[in-house]
């Protein structure tokens, strides 16, 4: 399987606080990677760096074989040119914690906007793609609704569909159920589980340990800006080798 994402030794600080301390990981096509760890461990910052919402202070990131950013021999961080960054951005989809839908657009228009404006699809092509995605999400009857008319779980499913509308190579989920109550969490996790069953390439930051164990091929455990342990979901959940990982997982296995 080819590598879709390669992160090599990336560092990120906010002022004097180093949030990412040399993170390295790889995601291959069709793989679901779960990133777990306590709040404040750098998980969301890592996703924001990979999806170009934050810049890095050192290291390198490649997406689908293209270098997004690298650090030269002098220690200077150099990003690709604007056209390359735009091309790379189209290869990634990000599902936010809090939906980030356009409140003044209908559900259908939320899904059509980027394919029309960015991919230059015709409105009929974009609409057909949007309707197919809404059907996949179990929301065929909500195409003309507005975000405020939907439950939190429905809004998050629309958000997933919107991220998929650009046909990205890899989907990133930043704690996709953190804003939902337990009942609505289940419907969103069901959708993500179905995407994993279809070998969708995904990186999922989550606090849902049972879900991560079930869905992920591989798991990364982060703490204080560093990767403490990584490996297959079976190995990490079944017999973590690092004491800090075991301490963390014990809280969820009671």
Protein backbone atom coordinates (compact mmCIF):
# COMPACT_ATOMS: atom_id res chain seq x y z
CA UNK A 1 0.00 0.00 0.00
CA UNK A 2 1.34 3.42 -0.88
CA UNK A 3 1.92 6.01 1.78
CA UNK A 4 -0.71 8.76 1.79
CA UNK A 5 0.72 10.70 4.74
CA UNK A 6 4.26 10.86 6.07
CA UNK A 7 5.00 13.09 9.05
CA UNK A 8 8.68 13.33 9.97
CA UNK A 9 9.90 14.90 13.20
CA UNK A 10 7.53 17.84 13.21
CA UNK A 11 7.79 20.42 15.96
CA UNK A 12 5.39 23.19 16.91
CA UNK A 13 5.53 25.73 19.72
CA UNK A 14 3.18 28.43 20.93
CA UNK A 15 5.46 30.93 22.61
CA UNK A 16 7.70 29.06 25.02
CA UNK A 17 5.40 26.03 25.13
CA UNK A 18 6.38 23.21 22.77
CA UNK A 19 3.16 21.51 21.74
CA UNK A 20 4.62 18.99 19.28
CA UNK A 21 8.03 17.54 20.10
CA UNK A 22 9.26 15.75 16.99
CA UNK A 23 6.22 13.76 15.86
CA UNK A 24 6.71 11.08 13.18
CA UNK A 25 4.05 8.78 11.74
CA UNK A 26 2.90 7.21 8.49
CA UNK A 27 -0.56 6.46 7.12
CA UNK A 28 -0.98 4.11 4.16
CA UNK A 29 -3.83 4.00 1.67
CA UNK A 30 -6.91 2.31 3.11
CA UNK A 31 -5.64 2.55 6.69
CA UNK A 32 -7.58 3.94 9.62
CA UNK A 33 -5.26 5.48 12.22
CA UNK A 34 -6.61 6.52 15.62
CA UNK A 35 -4.75 9.12 17.66
CA UNK A 36 -5.53 8.94 21.37
CA UNK A 37 -4.23 10.63 24.48
CA UNK A 38 -5.18 13.07 27.23
CA UNK A 39 -6.45 16.56 26.52
CA UNK A 40 -3.61 18.94 25.78
CA UNK A 41 -1.31 16.26 24.41
CA UNK A 42 -1.08 17.91 20.98
CA UNK A 43 -3.48 15.68 19.01
CA UNK A 44 -5.58 18.46 17.49
CA UNK A 45 -2.54 20.64 16.84
CA UNK A 46 -1.01 17.77 14.87
CA UNK A 47 -4.12 17.58 12.68
CA UNK A 48 -4.13 21.35 12.20
CA UNK A 49 -0.49 21.28 11.06
CA UNK A 50 -1.13 18.51 8.54
CA UNK A 51 -4.23 20.26 7.15
CA UNK A 52 -2.45 23.65 6.82
CA UNK A 53 -4.38 25.42 9.57
CA UNK A 54 -1.12 25.81 11.50
CA UNK A 55 2.48 26.11 10.34
CA UNK A 56 5.26 23.95 11.77
CA UNK A 57 8.55 25.01 13.33
CA UNK A 58 10.54 22.02 12.10
CA UNK A 59 10.28 18.64 10.41
CA UNK A 60 8.56 17.60 7.19
CA UNK A 61 5.14 16.55 5.91
CA UNK A 62 4.36 14.68 2.69
CA UNK A 63 0.84 14.05 1.40
CA UNK A 64 0.33 11.43 -1.30
CA UNK A 65 3.95 11.68 -2.41
CA UNK A 66 4.07 15.48 -2.54
CA UNK A 67 6.19 17.47 -0.11
CA UNK A 68 4.03 20.00 1.68
CA UNK A 69 6.77 21.31 3.95
CA UNK A 70 10.36 20.37 4.77
CA UNK A 71 13.25 21.69 6.84
CA UNK A 72 16.49 22.37 4.98
CA UNK A 73 20.05 21.79 6.17
CA UNK A 74 20.19 25.26 7.73
CA UNK A 75 17.11 24.53 9.84
CA UNK A 76 14.80 26.77 7.81
CA UNK A 77 11.24 25.51 7.31
CA UNK A 78 10.19 25.77 3.67
CA UNK A 79 6.65 25.23 2.42
CA UNK A 80 5.80 24.28 -1.15
CA UNK A 81 4.61 27.02 -3.49
CA UNK A 82 1.01 28.19 -3.46
CA UNK A 83 -0.15 26.01 -6.33
CA UNK A 84 1.31 22.89 -4.73
CA UNK A 85 -0.20 23.73 -1.34
CA UNK A 86 -3.58 24.22 -2.97
CA UNK A 87 -3.26 20.87 -4.75
CA UNK A 88 -2.26 19.16 -1.52
CA UNK A 89 -5.11 20.81 0.38
CA UNK A 90 -7.57 19.19 -2.02
CA UNK A 91 -6.19 15.78 -1.08
CA UNK A 92 -7.21 16.14 2.57
CA UNK A 93 -10.60 16.51 4.18
CA UNK A 94 -11.10 17.70 7.75
CA UNK A 95 -14.18 17.08 9.89
CA UNK A 96 -14.24 19.58 12.75
CA UNK A 97 -15.44 19.10 16.32
CA UNK A 98 -18.16 21.73 15.96
CA UNK A 99 -19.41 21.07 12.42
CA UNK A 100 -18.44 24.49 10.88
CA UNK A 101 -21.31 24.39 8.40
CA UNK A 102 -22.39 27.56 6.61
CA UNK A 103 -25.52 28.48 8.61
CA UNK A 104 -27.07 30.54 5.79
CA UNK A 105 -26.76 27.71 3.22
CA UNK A 106 -29.03 24.72 2.87
CA UNK A 107 -27.57 21.28 3.49
CA UNK A 108 -27.39 20.70 -0.27
CA UNK A 109 -25.60 23.97 -0.92
CA UNK A 110 -23.14 23.28 1.92
CA UNK A 111 -22.10 20.16 0.00
CA UNK A 112 -22.15 21.73 -3.47
CA UNK A 113 -20.24 24.94 -2.75
CA UNK A 114 -16.66 23.62 -2.80
CA UNK A 115 -17.05 21.18 -5.72
CA UNK A 116 -18.46 24.02 -7.84
CA UNK A 117 -16.09 26.80 -6.74
CA UNK A 118 -12.92 24.74 -6.23
CA UNK A 119 -13.21 21.69 -8.49
CA UNK A 120 -15.20 23.62 -11.10
CA UNK A 121 -17.83 20.90 -11.37
CA UNK A 122 -21.06 21.83 -13.05
CA UNK A 123 -23.96 22.45 -10.70
CA UNK A 124 -25.67 19.30 -11.94
CA UNK A 125 -22.54 17.20 -11.30
CA UNK A 126 -22.06 18.74 -7.86
CA UNK A 127 -25.71 18.19 -6.98
CA UNK A 128 -25.58 14.54 -8.04
CA UNK A 129 -22.46 14.02 -5.92
CA UNK A 130 -24.03 15.82 -2.95
CA UNK A 131 -27.26 13.83 -3.11
CA UNK A 132 -25.34 10.55 -3.30
CA UNK A 133 -23.34 11.52 -0.21
CA UNK A 134 -26.46 12.56 1.69
CA UNK A 135 -27.99 9.18 0.88
CA UNK A 136 -24.84 7.51 2.21
CA UNK A 137 -25.20 9.51 5.42
CA UNK A 138 -28.88 8.62 5.79
CA UNK A 139 -29.91 12.24 5.20
CA UNK A 140 -31.66 12.14 1.82
CA UNK A 141 -34.67 13.92 3.29
CA UNK A 142 -32.59 16.83 4.67
CA UNK A 143 -31.16 18.31 1.47
CA UNK A 144 -33.29 21.47 1.68
CA UNK A 145 -32.98 21.89 5.44
CA UNK A 146 -30.69 24.43 7.10
CA UNK A 147 -28.13 23.54 9.78
CA UNK A 148 -30.21 25.02 12.62
CA UNK A 149 -33.01 22.60 11.72
CA UNK A 150 -30.78 19.56 12.28
CA UNK A 151 -29.69 17.70 15.39
CA UNK A 152 -26.02 17.77 16.32
CA UNK A 153 -25.56 14.27 14.98
CA UNK A 154 -27.19 15.20 11.68
CA UNK A 155 -25.01 18.31 11.40
CA UNK A 156 -21.89 16.23 11.95
CA UNK A 157 -22.97 13.76 9.30
CA UNK A 158 -23.44 16.67 6.89
CA UNK A 159 -19.97 17.86 7.86
CA UNK A 160 -18.55 14.43 6.99
CA UNK A 161 -20.37 14.47 3.65
CA UNK A 162 -19.03 17.96 2.92
CA UNK A 163 -15.46 16.80 3.60
CA UNK A 164 -15.99 13.86 1.25
CA UNK A 165 -17.51 16.00 -1.51
CA UNK A 166 -14.02 16.94 -2.77
CA UNK A 167 -13.02 13.25 -2.98
CA UNK A 168 -9.95 13.65 -0.74
CA UNK A 169 -7.24 11.01 -0.50
CA UNK A 170 -7.40 11.10 3.31
CA UNK A 171 -10.01 12.18 5.84
CA UNK A 172 -9.13 13.71 9.21
CA UNK A 173 -11.56 13.68 12.13
CA UNK A 174 -10.83 15.98 15.06
CA UNK A 175 -12.79 14.47 17.96
CA UNK A 176 -15.93 14.26 15.78
CA UNK A 177 -18.24 13.32 18.67
CA UNK A 178 -16.98 15.68 21.39
CA UNK A 179 -19.90 18.10 20.92
CA UNK A 180 -22.56 15.37 20.91
CA UNK A 181 -24.54 13.60 23.59
CA UNK A 182 -24.17 9.78 23.82
CA UNK A 183 -27.23 8.99 21.70
CA UNK A 184 -26.08 11.20 18.82
CA UNK A 185 -22.49 9.99 19.18
CA UNK A 186 -23.58 6.51 18.14
CA UNK A 187 -25.02 7.61 14.81
CA UNK A 188 -21.84 9.49 13.86
CA UNK A 189 -19.56 6.62 14.89
CA UNK A 190 -21.69 4.27 12.80
CA UNK A 191 -20.97 6.39 9.71
CA UNK A 192 -17.22 6.50 10.42
CA UNK A 193 -17.26 2.74 11.02
CA UNK A 194 -18.89 2.22 7.60
CA UNK A 195 -16.19 4.36 5.98
CA UNK A 196 -13.51 2.22 7.63
CA UNK A 197 -15.23 -0.90 6.29
CA UNK A 198 -14.87 0.63 2.80
CA UNK A 199 -11.11 1.13 3.37
CA UNK A 200 -11.37 4.91 3.45
CA UNK A 201 -8.00 6.36 4.48
CA UNK A 202 -8.60 8.14 7.79
CA UNK A 203 -6.90 9.70 10.77
CA UNK A 204 -9.24 9.95 13.76
CA UNK A 205 -8.48 11.91 16.92
CA UNK A 206 -10.90 10.47 19.46
CA UNK A 207 -11.64 9.90 23.13
CA UNK A 208 -13.88 6.94 22.23
CA UNK A 209 -11.56 4.07 23.18
CA UNK A 210 -13.92 1.21 22.36
CA UNK A 211 -14.55 2.75 18.95
CA UNK A 212 -10.82 3.26 18.30
CA UNK A 213 -10.11 -0.35 19.23
CA UNK A 214 -12.83 -1.62 16.91
CA UNK A 215 -12.27 0.59 13.87
CA UNK A 216 -8.58 1.54 13.75
CA UNK A 217 -5.90 -0.53 12.06
CA UNK A 218 -3.19 1.30 13.97
CA UNK A 219 -3.18 3.55 17.03
CA UNK A 220 -0.89 6.36 18.19
CA UNK A 221 -0.87 7.32 21.87
CA UNK A 222 0.32 10.89 22.50
CA UNK A 223 1.19 12.62 25.75
CA UNK A 224 2.80 16.02 26.36
CA UNK A 225 3.43 16.62 22.68
CA UNK A 226 5.19 13.34 21.97
CA UNK A 227 4.27 9.90 20.69
CA UNK A 228 4.63 7.57 23.66
CA UNK A 229 3.61 4.40 21.86
CA UNK A 230 2.24 3.34 18.50
CA UNK A 231 1.29 0.06 16.89
CA UNK A 232 -1.63 -2.05 15.78
CA UNK A 233 -4.90 -1.52 17.61
CA UNK A 234 -4.82 -5.14 18.73
CA UNK A 235 -1.33 -4.81 20.19
CA UNK A 236 -1.77 -1.44 21.84
CA UNK A 237 -5.17 -2.10 23.42
CA UNK A 238 -4.40 -5.73 24.14
CA UNK A 239 -0.99 -5.27 25.73
CA UNK A 240 0.52 -1.77 25.74
CA UNK A 241 4.21 -1.88 26.61
CA UNK A 242 4.64 1.63 28.00
CA UNK A 243 3.49 2.33 31.56
CA UNK A 244 2.03 5.73 30.62
CA UNK A 245 -0.11 4.10 27.91
CA UNK A 246 -1.35 1.47 30.34
CA UNK A 247 -2.23 4.16 32.90
CA UNK A 248 -4.22 6.07 30.30
CA UNK A 249 -6.09 3.04 29.00
CA UNK A 250 -6.91 1.81 32.51
CA UNK A 251 -9.11 4.87 33.00
CA UNK A 252 -11.23 3.79 30.04
CA UNK A 253 -11.29 0.07 30.79
CA UNK A 254 -12.81 0.24 34.23
